[in-house]
Amino acid sequence: TFKAREEGDEDTVNNLDAVYDYDHAEMQKDEH
């Protein structure tokens, strides 16, 4: 998961986590 480094990064981190969670299935990351 992503982690915020500076104050104000929380929204960006939440968005990236959501996209990466979605891509995990699309990329077939478990089989990979």
PDB file of all heavy atoms in Angstrom:
ATOM      1  N   THR A   1       0.851  -1.190   0.000  1.00  0.00           N
ATOM      2  CA  THR A   1       0.000   0.000   0.000  1.00  0.00           C
ATOM      3  C   THR A   1       0.887   1.241   0.000  1.00  0.00           C
ATOM      4  O   THR A   1       2.077   1.174   0.340  1.00  0.00           O
ATOM      5  CB  THR A   1      -0.921   0.036   1.238  1.00  0.00           C
ATOM      6  OG1 THR A   1      -0.110  -0.006   2.422  1.00  0.00           O
ATOM      7  CG2 THR A   1      -1.893  -1.139   1.240  1.00  0.00           C
ATOM      8  N   PHE A   2       0.292   2.370  -0.368  1.00  0.00           N
ATOM      9  CA  PHE A   2       1.039   3.619  -0.399  1.00  0.00           C
ATOM     10  C   PHE A   2       1.000   4.286   0.970  1.00  0.00           C
ATOM     11  O   PHE A   2       0.085   4.055   1.764  1.00  0.00           O
ATOM     12  CB  PHE A   2       0.466   4.551  -1.463  1.00  0.00           C
ATOM     13  CG  PHE A   2       0.733   4.095  -2.864  1.00  0.00           C
ATOM     14  CD1 PHE A   2      -0.107   3.175  -3.481  1.00  0.00           C
ATOM     15  CD2 PHE A   2       1.827   4.564  -3.553  1.00  0.00           C
ATOM     16  CE1 PHE A   2       0.141   2.748  -4.767  1.00  0.00           C
ATOM     17  CE2 PHE A   2       2.091   4.139  -4.848  1.00  0.00           C
ATOM     18  CZ  PHE A   2       1.241   3.220  -5.457  1.00  0.00           C
ATOM     19  N   LYS A   3       1.990   5.104   1.231  1.00  0.00           N
ATOM     20  CA  LYS A   3       2.104   5.782   2.520  1.00  0.00           C
ATOM     21  C   LYS A   3       2.430   7.251   2.287  1.00  0.00           C
ATOM     22  O   LYS A   3       3.303   7.581   1.479  1.00  0.00           O
ATOM     23  CB  LYS A   3       3.199   5.122   3.368  1.00  0.00           C
ATOM     24  CG  LYS A   3       3.336   5.709   4.753  1.00  0.00           C
ATOM     25  CD  LYS A   3       4.420   4.976   5.545  1.00  0.00           C
ATOM     26  CE  LYS A   3       4.572   5.558   6.939  1.00  0.00           C
ATOM     27  NZ  LYS A   3       5.649   4.837   7.706  1.00  0.00           N
ATOM     28  N   ALA A   4       1.704   8.116   2.989  1.00  0.00           N
ATOM     29  CA  ALA A   4       1.928   9.555   2.845  1.00  0.00           C
ATOM     30  C   ALA A   4       3.246   9.953   3.497  1.00  0.00           C
ATOM     31  O   ALA A   4       3.563   9.511   4.604  1.00  0.00           O
ATOM     32  CB  ALA A   4       0.776  10.321   3.476  1.00  0.00           C
ATOM     33  N   ARG A   5       3.999  10.805   2.819  1.00  0.00           N
ATOM     34  CA  ARG A   5       5.258  11.298   3.365  1.00  0.00           C
ATOM     35  C   ARG A   5       5.134  12.709   3.918  1.00  0.00           C
ATOM     36  O   ARG A   5       5.881  13.095   4.810  1.00  0.00           O
ATOM     37  CB  ARG A   5       6.345  11.258   2.286  1.00  0.00           C
ATOM     38  CG  ARG A   5       6.888   9.884   2.001  1.00  0.00           C
ATOM     39  CD  ARG A   5       8.142   9.965   1.169  1.00  0.00           C
ATOM     40  NE  ARG A   5       8.802   8.664   1.059  1.00  0.00           N
ATOM     41  CZ  ARG A   5       9.972   8.465   0.445  1.00  0.00           C
ATOM     42  NH1 ARG A   5      10.596   9.511  -0.098  1.00  0.00           N
ATOM     43  NH2 ARG A   5      10.514   7.281   0.395  1.00  0.00           N
ATOM     44  N   GLU A   6       4.228  13.460   3.355  1.00  0.00           N
ATOM     45  CA  GLU A   6       4.062  14.845   3.793  1.00  0.00           C
ATOM     46  C   GLU A   6       2.592  15.104   4.102  1.00  0.00           C
ATOM     47  O   GLU A   6       1.698  14.402   3.621  1.00  0.00           O
ATOM     48  CB  GLU A   6       4.547  15.823   2.707  1.00  0.00           C
ATOM     49  CG  GLU A   6       6.020  15.684   2.371  1.00  0.00           C
ATOM     50  CD  GLU A   6       6.435  16.630   1.260  1.00  0.00           C
ATOM     51  OE1 GLU A   6       5.555  17.382   0.775  1.00  0.00           O
ATOM     52  OE2 GLU A   6       7.613  16.632   0.893  1.00  0.00           O
ATOM     53  N   GLU A   7       2.349  16.124   4.900  1.00  0.00           N
ATOM     54  CA  GLU A   7       0.981  16.504   5.230  1.00  0.00           C
ATOM     55  C   GLU A   7       0.257  16.955   3.964  1.00  0.00           C
ATOM     56  O   GLU A   7       0.783  17.727   3.166  1.00  0.00           O
ATOM     57  CB  GLU A   7       1.000  17.638   6.261  1.00  0.00           C
ATOM     58  CG  GLU A   7      -0.385  18.009   6.778  1.00  0.00           C
ATOM     59  CD  GLU A   7      -0.327  19.084   7.851  1.00  0.00           C
ATOM     60  OE1 GLU A   7       0.803  19.452   8.234  1.00  0.00           O
ATOM     61  OE2 GLU A   7      -1.397  19.536   8.279  1.00  0.00           O
ATOM     62  N   GLY A   8      -0.926  16.444   3.777  1.00  0.00           N
ATOM     63  CA  GLY A   8      -1.687  16.769   2.576  1.00  0.00           C
ATOM     64  C   GLY A   8      -1.628  15.684   1.515  1.00  0.00           C
ATOM     65  O   GLY A   8      -2.304  15.776   0.484  1.00  0.00           O
ATOM     66  N   ASP A   9      -0.795  14.657   1.743  1.00  0.00           N
ATOM     67  CA  ASP A   9      -0.676  13.568   0.775  1.00  0.00           C
ATOM     68  C   ASP A   9      -1.742  12.487   0.972  1.00  0.00           C
ATOM     69  O   ASP A   9      -1.817  11.555   0.177  1.00  0.00           O
ATOM     70  CB  ASP A   9       0.701  12.898   0.888  1.00  0.00           C
ATOM     71  CG  ASP A   9       1.813  13.769   0.330  1.00  0.00           C
ATOM     72  OD1 ASP A   9       1.486  14.735  -0.377  1.00  0.00           O
ATOM     73  OD2 ASP A   9       2.987  13.470   0.598  1.00  0.00           O
ATOM     74  N   GLU A  10      -2.550  12.604   2.008  1.00  0.00           N
ATOM     75  CA  GLU A  10      -3.466  11.519   2.342  1.00  0.00           C
ATOM     76  C   GLU A  10      -4.466  11.235   1.220  1.00  0.00           C
ATOM     77  O   GLU A  10      -4.744  10.076   0.909  1.00  0.00           O
ATOM     78  CB  GLU A  10      -4.236  11.842   3.634  1.00  0.00           C
ATOM     79  CG  GLU A  10      -3.408  11.763   4.910  1.00  0.00           C
ATOM     80  CD  GLU A  10      -2.545  12.990   5.104  1.00  0.00           C
ATOM     81  OE1 GLU A  10      -2.682  13.953   4.313  1.00  0.00           O
ATOM     82  OE2 GLU A  10      -1.723  12.997   6.050  1.00  0.00           O
ATOM     83  N   ASP A  11      -5.009  12.288   0.599  1.00  0.00           N
ATOM     84  CA  ASP A  11      -5.990  12.078  -0.476  1.00  0.00           C
ATOM     85  C   ASP A  11      -5.346  11.367  -1.665  1.00  0.00           C
ATOM     86  O   ASP A  11      -5.934  10.464  -2.264  1.00  0.00           O
ATOM     87  CB  ASP A  11      -6.580  13.418  -0.928  1.00  0.00           C
ATOM     88  CG  ASP A  11      -7.492  14.021   0.124  1.00  0.00           C
ATOM     89  OD1 ASP A  11      -7.937  13.265   1.017  1.00  0.00           O
ATOM     90  OD2 ASP A  11      -7.755  15.239   0.057  1.00  0.00           O
ATOM     91  N   THR A  12      -4.125  11.773  -2.003  1.00  0.00           N
ATOM     92  CA  THR A  12      -3.421  11.138  -3.109  1.00  0.00           C
ATOM     93  C   THR A  12      -3.151   9.667  -2.796  1.00  0.00           C
ATOM     94  O   THR A  12      -3.324   8.787  -3.655  1.00  0.00           O
ATOM     95  CB  THR A  12      -2.091  11.855  -3.385  1.00  0.00           C
ATOM     96  OG1 THR A  12      -2.355  13.221  -3.708  1.00  0.00           O
ATOM     97  CG2 THR A  12      -1.349  11.202  -4.539  1.00  0.00           C
ATOM     98  N   VAL A  13      -2.738   9.401  -1.568  1.00  0.00           N
ATOM     99  CA  VAL A  13      -2.461   8.031  -1.155  1.00  0.00           C
ATOM    100  C   VAL A  13      -3.721   7.171  -1.243  1.00  0.00           C
ATOM    101  O   VAL A  13      -3.691   6.038  -1.735  1.00  0.00           O
ATOM    102  CB  VAL A  13      -1.883   8.007   0.276  1.00  0.00           C
ATOM    103  CG1 VAL A  13      -1.931   6.593   0.855  1.00  0.00           C
ATOM    104  CG2 VAL A  13      -0.458   8.528   0.276  1.00  0.00           C
ATOM    105  N   ASN A  14      -4.838   7.696  -0.769  1.00  0.00           N
ATOM    106  CA  ASN A  14      -6.090   6.938  -0.816  1.00  0.00           C
ATOM    107  C   ASN A  14      -6.495   6.629  -2.254  1.00  0.00           C
ATOM    108  O   ASN A  14      -6.981   5.530  -2.560  1.00  0.00           O
ATOM    109  CB  ASN A  14      -7.202   7.719  -0.114  1.00  0.00           C
ATOM    110  CG  ASN A  14      -6.984   7.813   1.380  1.00  0.00           C
ATOM    111  OD1 ASN A  14      -6.321   6.969   1.975  1.00  0.00           O
ATOM    112  ND2 ASN A  14      -7.538   8.855   2.001  1.00  0.00           N
ATOM    113  N   ASN A  15      -6.302   7.602  -3.149  1.00  0.00           N
ATOM    114  CA  ASN A  15      -6.628   7.377  -4.556  1.00  0.00           C
ATOM    115  C   ASN A  15      -5.724   6.309  -5.165  1.00  0.00           C
ATOM    116  O   ASN A  15      -6.179   5.431  -5.898  1.00  0.00           O
ATOM    117  CB  ASN A  15      -6.511   8.685  -5.340  1.00  0.00           C
ATOM    118  CG  ASN A  15      -7.609   9.667  -5.003  1.00  0.00           C
ATOM    119  OD1 ASN A  15      -8.688   9.277  -4.575  1.00  0.00           O
ATOM    120  ND2 ASN A  15      -7.328  10.952  -5.176  1.00  0.00           N
ATOM    121  N   LEU A  16      -4.425   6.393  -4.866  1.00  0.00           N
ATOM    122  CA  LEU A  16      -3.492   5.420  -5.421  1.00  0.00           C
ATOM    123  C   LEU A  16      -3.781   4.012  -4.887  1.00  0.00           C
ATOM    124  O   LEU A  16      -3.704   3.031  -5.631  1.00  0.00           O
ATOM    125  CB  LEU A  16      -2.054   5.823  -5.093  1.00  0.00           C
ATOM    126  CG  LEU A  16      -1.504   7.036  -5.853  1.00  0.00           C
ATOM    127  CD1 LEU A  16      -0.131   7.411  -5.315  1.00  0.00           C
ATOM    128  CD2 LEU A  16      -1.423   6.731  -7.346  1.00  0.00           C
ATOM    129  N   ASP A  17      -4.107   3.919  -3.606  1.00  0.00           N
ATOM    130  CA  ASP A  17      -4.450   2.609  -3.042  1.00  0.00           C
ATOM    131  C   ASP A  17      -5.663   2.012  -3.735  1.00  0.00           C
ATOM    132  O   ASP A  17      -5.710   0.809  -4.028  1.00  0.00           O
ATOM    133  CB  ASP A  17      -4.717   2.728  -1.535  1.00  0.00           C
ATOM    134  CG  ASP A  17      -3.443   2.795  -0.717  1.00  0.00           C
ATOM    135  OD1 ASP A  17      -2.392   2.335  -1.229  1.00  0.00           O
ATOM    136  OD2 ASP A  17      -3.475   3.289   0.424  1.00  0.00           O
ATOM    137  N   ALA A  18      -6.655   2.839  -4.018  1.00  0.00           N
ATOM    138  CA  ALA A  18      -7.867   2.354  -4.680  1.00  0.00           C
ATOM    139  C   ALA A  18      -7.570   1.895  -6.104  1.00  0.00           C
ATOM    140  O   ALA A  18      -8.055   0.844  -6.547  1.00  0.00           O
ATOM    141  CB  ALA A  18      -8.932   3.449  -4.682  1.00  0.00           C
ATOM    142  N   VAL A  19      -6.750   2.658  -6.827  1.00  0.00           N
ATOM    143  CA  VAL A  19      -6.404   2.283  -8.198  1.00  0.00           C
ATOM    144  C   VAL A  19      -5.569   1.001  -8.216  1.00  0.00           C
ATOM    145  O   VAL A  19      -5.795   0.084  -9.019  1.00  0.00           O
ATOM    146  CB  VAL A  19      -5.633   3.427  -8.898  1.00  0.00           C
ATOM    147  CG1 VAL A  19      -5.153   2.976 -10.279  1.00  0.00           C
ATOM    148  CG2 VAL A  19      -6.526   4.651  -9.032  1.00  0.00           C
ATOM    149  N   TYR A  20      -4.592   0.911  -7.308  1.00  0.00           N
ATOM    150  CA  TYR A  20      -3.732  -0.274  -7.270  1.00  0.00           C
ATOM    151  C   TYR A  20      -4.524  -1.516  -6.867  1.00  0.00           C
ATOM    152  O   TYR A  20      -4.293  -2.612  -7.381  1.00  0.00           O
ATOM    153  CB  TYR A  20      -2.576  -0.048  -6.298  1.00  0.00           C
ATOM    154  CG  TYR A  20      -1.531  -1.136  -6.351  1.00  0.00           C
ATOM    155  CD1 TYR A  20      -0.839  -1.388  -7.528  1.00  0.00           C
ATOM    156  CD2 TYR A  20      -1.236  -1.924  -5.242  1.00  0.00           C
ATOM    157  CE1 TYR A  20       0.118  -2.391  -7.589  1.00  0.00           C
ATOM    158  CE2 TYR A  20      -0.288  -2.921  -5.289  1.00  0.00           C
ATOM    159  CZ  TYR A  20       0.388  -3.150  -6.475  1.00  0.00           C
ATOM    160  OH  TYR A  20       1.328  -4.149  -6.539  1.00  0.00           O
ATOM    161  N   ASP A  21      -5.496  -1.347  -5.973  1.00  0.00           N
ATOM    162  CA  ASP A  21      -6.350  -2.467  -5.587  1.00  0.00           C
ATOM    163  C   ASP A  21      -7.170  -2.953  -6.773  1.00  0.00           C
ATOM    164  O   ASP A  21      -7.332  -4.157  -6.989  1.00  0.00           O
ATOM    165  CB  ASP A  21      -7.270  -2.033  -4.440  1.00  0.00           C
ATOM    166  CG  ASP A  21      -8.071  -3.191  -3.876  1.00  0.00           C
ATOM    167  OD1 ASP A  21      -7.567  -4.331  -3.928  1.00  0.00           O
ATOM    168  OD2 ASP A  21      -9.189  -2.972  -3.391  1.00  0.00           O
ATOM    169  N   TYR A  22      -7.673  -2.030  -7.571  1.00  0.00           N
ATOM    170  CA  TYR A  22      -8.417  -2.398  -8.769  1.00  0.00           C
ATOM    171  C   TYR A  22      -7.502  -3.087  -9.782  1.00  0.00           C
ATOM    172  O   TYR A  22      -7.848  -4.118 -10.360  1.00  0.00           O
ATOM    173  CB  TYR A  22      -9.054  -1.157  -9.392  1.00  0.00           C
ATOM    174  CG  TYR A  22      -9.733  -1.411 -10.714  1.00  0.00           C
ATOM    175  CD1 TYR A  22     -11.035  -1.901 -10.772  1.00  0.00           C
ATOM    176  CD2 TYR A  22      -9.070  -1.163 -11.908  1.00  0.00           C
ATOM    177  CE1 TYR A  22     -11.660  -2.144 -11.991  1.00  0.00           C
ATOM    178  CE2 TYR A  22      -9.682  -1.396 -13.130  1.00  0.00           C
ATOM    179  CZ  TYR A  22     -10.976  -1.892 -13.166  1.00  0.00           C
ATOM    180  OH  TYR A  22     -11.580  -2.128 -14.370  1.00  0.00           O
ATOM    181  N   ASP A  23      -6.304  -2.505  -9.998  1.00  0.00           N
ATOM    182  CA  ASP A  23      -5.366  -3.065 -10.980  1.00  0.00           C
ATOM    183  C   ASP A  23      -4.852  -4.435 -10.567  1.00  0.00           C
ATOM    184  O   ASP A  23      -4.445  -5.229 -11.422  1.00  0.00           O
ATOM    185  CB  ASP A  23      -4.181  -2.113 -11.175  1.00  0.00           C
ATOM    186  CG  ASP A  23      -4.542  -0.909 -12.023  1.00  0.00           C
ATOM    187  OD1 ASP A  23      -5.724  -0.798 -12.405  1.00  0.00           O
ATOM    188  OD2 ASP A  23      -3.654  -0.078 -12.287  1.00  0.00           O
ATOM    189  N   HIS A  24      -4.842  -4.705  -9.272  1.00  0.00           N
ATOM    190  CA  HIS A  24      -4.367  -6.003  -8.788  1.00  0.00           C
ATOM    191  C   HIS A  24      -5.117  -7.133  -9.475  1.00  0.00           C
ATOM    192  O   HIS A  24      -4.520  -8.142  -9.879  1.00  0.00           O
ATOM    193  CB  HIS A  24      -4.551  -6.082  -7.270  1.00  0.00           C
ATOM    194  CG  HIS A  24      -3.961  -7.301  -6.638  1.00  0.00           C
ATOM    195  ND1 HIS A  24      -4.666  -8.490  -6.515  1.00  0.00           N
ATOM    196  CD2 HIS A  24      -2.737  -7.534  -6.106  1.00  0.00           C
ATOM    197  CE1 HIS A  24      -3.900  -9.385  -5.928  1.00  0.00           C
ATOM    198  NE2 HIS A  24      -2.724  -8.834  -5.672  1.00  0.00           N
ATOM    199  N   ALA A  25      -6.416  -6.988  -9.626  1.00  0.00           N
ATOM    200  CA  ALA A  25      -7.213  -8.008 -10.307  1.00  0.00           C
ATOM    201  C   ALA A  25      -7.021  -7.932 -11.819  1.00  0.00           C
ATOM    202  O   ALA A  25      -6.868  -8.962 -12.485  1.00  0.00           O
ATOM    203  CB  ALA A  25      -8.692  -7.847  -9.950  1.00  0.00           C
ATOM    204  N   GLU A  26      -7.017  -6.722 -12.380  1.00  0.00           N
ATOM    205  CA  GLU A  26      -6.876  -6.572 -13.828  1.00  0.00           C
ATOM    206  C   GLU A  26      -5.532  -7.102 -14.329  1.00  0.00           C
ATOM    207  O   GLU A  26      -5.431  -7.674 -15.420  1.00  0.00           O
ATOM    208  CB  GLU A  26      -7.028  -5.102 -14.216  1.00  0.00           C
ATOM    209  CG  GLU A  26      -8.422  -4.556 -14.059  1.00  0.00           C
ATOM    210  CD  GLU A  26      -9.403  -5.181 -15.037  1.00  0.00           C
ATOM    211  OE1 GLU A  26      -9.009  -5.468 -16.177  1.00  0.00           O
ATOM    212  OE2 GLU A  26     -10.565  -5.401 -14.644  1.00  0.00           O
ATOM    213  N   MET A  27      -4.484  -6.910 -13.543  1.00  0.00           N
ATOM    214  CA  MET A  27      -3.140  -7.373 -13.929  1.00  0.00           C
ATOM    215  C   MET A  27      -2.939  -8.857 -13.637  1.00  0.00           C
ATOM    216  O   MET A  27      -1.890  -9.401 -13.952  1.00  0.00           O
ATOM    217  CB  MET A  27      -2.069  -6.576 -13.181  1.00  0.00           C
ATOM    218  CG  MET A  27      -1.997  -5.120 -13.524  1.00  0.00           C
ATOM    219  SD  MET A  27      -0.571  -4.274 -12.756  1.00  0.00           S
ATOM    220  CE  MET A  27      -0.935  -4.484 -11.007  1.00  0.00           C
ATOM    221  N   GLN A  28      -3.954  -9.505 -12.995  1.00  0.00           N
ATOM    222  CA  GLN A  28      -3.827 -10.899 -12.567  1.00  0.00           C
ATOM    223  C   GLN A  28      -2.563 -11.066 -11.711  1.00  0.00           C
ATOM    224  O   GLN A  28      -1.765 -11.975 -11.900  1.00  0.00           O
ATOM    225  CB  GLN A  28      -3.783 -11.838 -13.778  1.00  0.00           C
ATOM    226  CG  GLN A  28      -5.037 -11.767 -14.631  1.00  0.00           C
ATOM    227  CD  GLN A  28      -4.990 -12.653 -15.850  1.00  0.00           C
ATOM    228  OE1 GLN A  28      -3.930 -13.155 -16.226  1.00  0.00           O
ATOM    229  NE2 GLN A  28      -6.130 -12.831 -16.484  1.00  0.00           N
ATOM    230  N   LYS A  29      -2.444 -10.131 -10.758  1.00  0.00           N
ATOM    231  CA  LYS A  29      -1.243 -10.081  -9.926  1.00  0.00           C
ATOM    232  C   LYS A  29      -1.089 -11.335  -9.063  1.00  0.00           C
ATOM    233  O   LYS A  29       0.030 -11.742  -8.745  1.00  0.00           O
ATOM    234  CB  LYS A  29      -1.311  -8.835  -9.025  1.00  0.00           C
ATOM    235  CG  LYS A  29      -0.091  -8.597  -8.134  1.00  0.00           C
ATOM    236  CD  LYS A  29       1.148  -8.227  -8.921  1.00  0.00           C
ATOM    237  CE  LYS A  29       2.198  -7.552  -8.044  1.00  0.00           C
ATOM    238  NZ  LYS A  29       2.532  -8.253  -6.799  1.00  0.00           N
ATOM    239  N   ASP A  30      -2.224 -11.958  -8.657  1.00  0.00           N
ATOM    240  CA  ASP A  30      -2.116 -13.158  -7.836  1.00  0.00           C
ATOM    241  C   ASP A  30      -1.463 -14.296  -8.612  1.00  0.00           C
ATOM    242  O   ASP A  30      -0.568 -14.980  -8.102  1.00  0.00           O
ATOM    243  CB  ASP A  30      -3.491 -13.569  -7.305  1.00  0.00           C
ATOM    244  CG  ASP A  30      -4.539 -13.650  -8.397  1.00  0.00           C
ATOM    245  OD1 ASP A  30      -4.249 -13.237  -9.547  1.00  0.00           O
ATOM    246  OD2 ASP A  30      -5.657 -14.130  -8.115  1.00  0.00           O
ATOM    247  N   GLU A  31      -1.872 -14.493  -9.864  1.00  0.00           N
ATOM    248  CA  GLU A  31      -1.255 -15.535 -10.693  1.00  0.00           C
ATOM    249  C   GLU A  31       0.200 -15.182 -11.001  1.00  0.00           C
ATOM    250  O   GLU A  31       1.077 -16.059 -11.039  1.00  0.00           O
ATOM    251  CB  GLU A  31      -2.045 -15.712 -11.990  1.00  0.00           C
ATOM    252  CG  GLU A  31      -3.490 -16.150 -11.785  1.00  0.00           C
ATOM    253  CD  GLU A  31      -4.253 -16.256 -13.083  1.00  0.00           C
ATOM    254  OE1 GLU A  31      -3.608 -16.496 -14.132  1.00  0.00           O
ATOM    255  OE2 GLU A  31      -5.483 -16.087 -13.070  1.00  0.00           O
ATOM    256  N   HIS A  32       0.437 -13.910 -11.253  1.00  0.00           N
ATOM    257  CA  HIS A  32       1.801 -13.440 -11.511  1.00  0.00           C
ATOM    258  C   HIS A  32       2.705 -13.748 -10.332  1.00  0.00           C
ATOM    259  O   HIS A  32       3.813 -14.281 -10.483  1.00  0.00           O
ATOM    260  CB  HIS A  32       1.763 -11.940 -11.786  1.00  0.00           C
ATOM    261  CG  HIS A  32       3.101 -11.275 -11.816  1.00  0.00           C
ATOM    262  ND1 HIS A  32       3.770 -10.877 -10.663  1.00  0.00           N
ATOM    263  CD2 HIS A  32       3.917 -10.940 -12.845  1.00  0.00           C
ATOM    264  CE1 HIS A  32       4.914 -10.335 -10.988  1.00  0.00           C
ATOM    265  NE2 HIS A  32       5.045 -10.347 -12.298  1.00  0.00           N
TER     266      HIS A  32
END
